């Protein structure tokens, strides 16, 4: 489990719209803006819970954000339908396809996943499998 994930943003408004659409499909809701004390950004969390949190934010060091080569944020989904919905929201809001929803037997017999990149090139995975 994670406490919070931060994805750096060059175009904060664009990424906030993208993640707002995608994270809604995963059951996360926007955090009140006053709860974030870091650089400008936007956060989401599970309803009624403080943690875990997900942020898009300008980098703390003031340098331009860039996607990490080999980095991936993977979201555990409760169903294949949720994987499909999150991936479809990503595609509809400026994401790019890195692997449409489907079974990936090379990971596990029941591993159902989808991959994309956000509008700034960060790689995302949505996955449903037993035990998640």
Protein backbone atom coordinates (compact mmCIF):
# COMPACT_ATOMS: atom_id res chain seq x y z
CA UNK A 1 0.00 0.00 0.00
CA UNK A 2 1.13 3.53 -0.56
CA UNK A 3 0.44 6.72 1.41
CA UNK A 4 0.54 9.14 -1.50
CA UNK A 5 1.74 9.35 -5.08
CA UNK A 6 2.79 12.57 -6.79
CA UNK A 7 3.01 12.92 -10.57
CA UNK A 8 4.84 16.03 -11.74
CA UNK A 9 2.90 18.41 -13.97
CA UNK A 10 4.06 20.86 -16.62
CA UNK A 11 0.48 21.79 -17.61
CA UNK A 12 -1.30 21.49 -14.28
CA UNK A 13 -4.79 22.32 -15.55
CA UNK A 14 -4.60 19.76 -18.36
CA UNK A 15 -3.35 17.00 -16.06
CA UNK A 16 -5.93 17.90 -13.40
CA UNK A 17 -8.70 17.44 -16.00
CA UNK A 18 -7.19 14.14 -17.18
CA UNK A 19 -6.74 12.67 -13.71
CA UNK A 20 -10.08 14.04 -12.53
CA UNK A 21 -11.79 11.94 -15.21
CA UNK A 22 -9.65 8.84 -14.70
CA UNK A 23 -9.60 8.82 -10.90
CA UNK A 24 -13.37 9.30 -10.72
CA UNK A 25 -13.66 5.90 -12.45
CA UNK A 26 -11.48 4.45 -9.69
CA UNK A 27 -13.65 5.88 -6.90
CA UNK A 28 -11.40 8.74 -5.82
CA UNK A 29 -12.74 12.22 -5.10
CA UNK A 30 -11.03 15.62 -5.20
CA UNK A 31 -9.38 16.77 -1.99
CA UNK A 32 -10.10 20.24 -0.67
CA UNK A 33 -7.45 22.55 -2.13
CA UNK A 34 -6.51 23.93 1.28
CA UNK A 35 -5.30 20.49 2.45
CA UNK A 36 -2.26 20.58 0.15
CA UNK A 37 0.63 22.63 1.49
CA UNK A 38 3.14 21.91 -1.29
CA UNK A 39 3.62 23.53 -4.69
CA UNK A 40 0.53 24.20 -6.82
CA UNK A 41 -1.32 20.99 -7.54
CA UNK A 42 -4.50 18.97 -7.24
CA UNK A 43 -5.16 15.93 -5.05
CA UNK A 44 -7.64 13.03 -4.85
CA UNK A 45 -8.45 10.46 -2.19
CA UNK A 46 -10.98 7.78 -1.33
CA UNK A 47 -14.23 9.23 0.04
CA UNK A 48 -14.11 9.62 3.81
CA UNK A 49 -10.46 8.54 4.06
CA UNK A 50 -7.35 10.62 4.55
CA UNK A 51 -5.00 8.11 2.89
CA UNK A 52 -4.02 7.06 0.26
CA UNK A 53 -3.71 10.25 -1.74
CA UNK A 54 -2.84 10.95 -5.38
CA UNK A 55 -1.52 14.33 -6.56
CA UNK A 56 -0.58 16.07 -9.78
CA UNK A 57 1.71 18.87 -8.82
CA UNK A 58 4.43 21.18 -10.00
CA UNK A 59 7.78 19.77 -8.79
CA UNK A 60 9.05 20.90 -5.40
CA UNK A 61 12.46 21.79 -6.87
CA UNK A 62 10.97 24.29 -9.33
CA UNK A 63 12.39 22.45 -12.35
CA UNK A 64 10.14 21.32 -15.23
CA UNK A 65 8.34 18.03 -14.68
CA UNK A 66 9.29 15.09 -16.89
CA UNK A 67 8.12 11.46 -17.04
CA UNK A 68 10.53 8.90 -15.62
CA UNK A 69 11.82 6.22 -17.96
CA UNK A 70 10.72 2.90 -16.48
CA UNK A 71 8.32 4.48 -13.96
CA UNK A 72 4.71 3.34 -13.87
CA UNK A 73 1.82 4.04 -11.52
CA UNK A 74 -0.47 1.01 -11.30
CA UNK A 75 -4.01 1.20 -9.95
CA UNK A 76 -5.73 -1.84 -8.43
CA UNK A 77 -9.25 -2.09 -9.81
CA UNK A 78 -12.18 -3.97 -8.28
CA UNK A 79 -13.41 -5.38 -11.59
CA UNK A 80 -12.62 -5.74 -15.27
CA UNK A 81 -15.35 -3.18 -15.94
CA UNK A 82 -13.47 -0.68 -13.76
CA UNK A 83 -10.25 -1.36 -15.72
CA UNK A 84 -12.17 -0.76 -18.96
CA UNK A 85 -13.79 2.44 -17.63
CA UNK A 86 -10.54 3.96 -16.33
CA UNK A 87 -8.68 3.17 -19.56
CA UNK A 88 -11.56 4.56 -21.67
CA UNK A 89 -11.58 7.76 -19.58
CA UNK A 90 -7.84 8.09 -20.11
CA UNK A 91 -8.22 7.66 -23.88
CA UNK A 92 -11.08 10.19 -23.98
CA UNK A 93 -9.12 12.82 -22.04
CA UNK A 94 -5.82 12.98 -23.88
CA UNK A 95 -4.09 9.77 -22.85
CA UNK A 96 -2.21 7.57 -25.30
CA UNK A 97 -2.62 3.82 -25.66
CA UNK A 98 0.13 1.57 -24.30
CA UNK A 99 -2.00 -1.60 -24.24
CA UNK A 100 -5.78 -1.95 -24.44
CA UNK A 101 -7.66 -3.83 -21.70
CA UNK A 102 -7.21 -7.57 -21.75
CA UNK A 103 -5.85 -10.67 -20.05
CA UNK A 104 -2.06 -10.78 -19.62
CA UNK A 105 -1.47 -14.48 -18.89
CA UNK A 106 2.30 -13.94 -18.81
CA UNK A 107 1.75 -12.07 -15.50
CA UNK A 108 -0.95 -14.34 -14.02
CA UNK A 109 -3.88 -16.38 -15.37
CA UNK A 110 -6.40 -13.81 -14.09
CA UNK A 111 -4.36 -10.63 -14.64
CA UNK A 112 -6.63 -8.23 -16.53
CA UNK A 113 -4.90 -4.96 -17.26
CA UNK A 114 -4.70 -1.90 -19.46
CA UNK A 115 -1.86 0.55 -20.01
CA UNK A 116 -1.66 4.15 -21.14
CA UNK A 117 0.30 7.34 -20.80
CA UNK A 118 -1.12 10.55 -19.42
CA UNK A 119 -0.93 13.71 -21.58
CA UNK A 120 2.60 14.42 -20.28
CA UNK A 121 3.95 10.91 -20.89
CA UNK A 122 3.68 9.28 -17.44
CA UNK A 123 2.86 5.57 -17.75
CA UNK A 124 -0.22 4.21 -15.99
CA UNK A 125 -1.63 0.72 -15.49
CA UNK A 126 -5.12 -0.31 -14.42
CA UNK A 127 -5.30 -3.91 -13.22
CA UNK A 128 -7.75 -6.39 -11.77
CA UNK A 129 -6.55 -9.74 -10.43
CA UNK A 130 -7.32 -12.02 -7.52
CA UNK A 131 -5.74 -10.80 -4.30
CA UNK A 132 -5.54 -7.11 -5.15
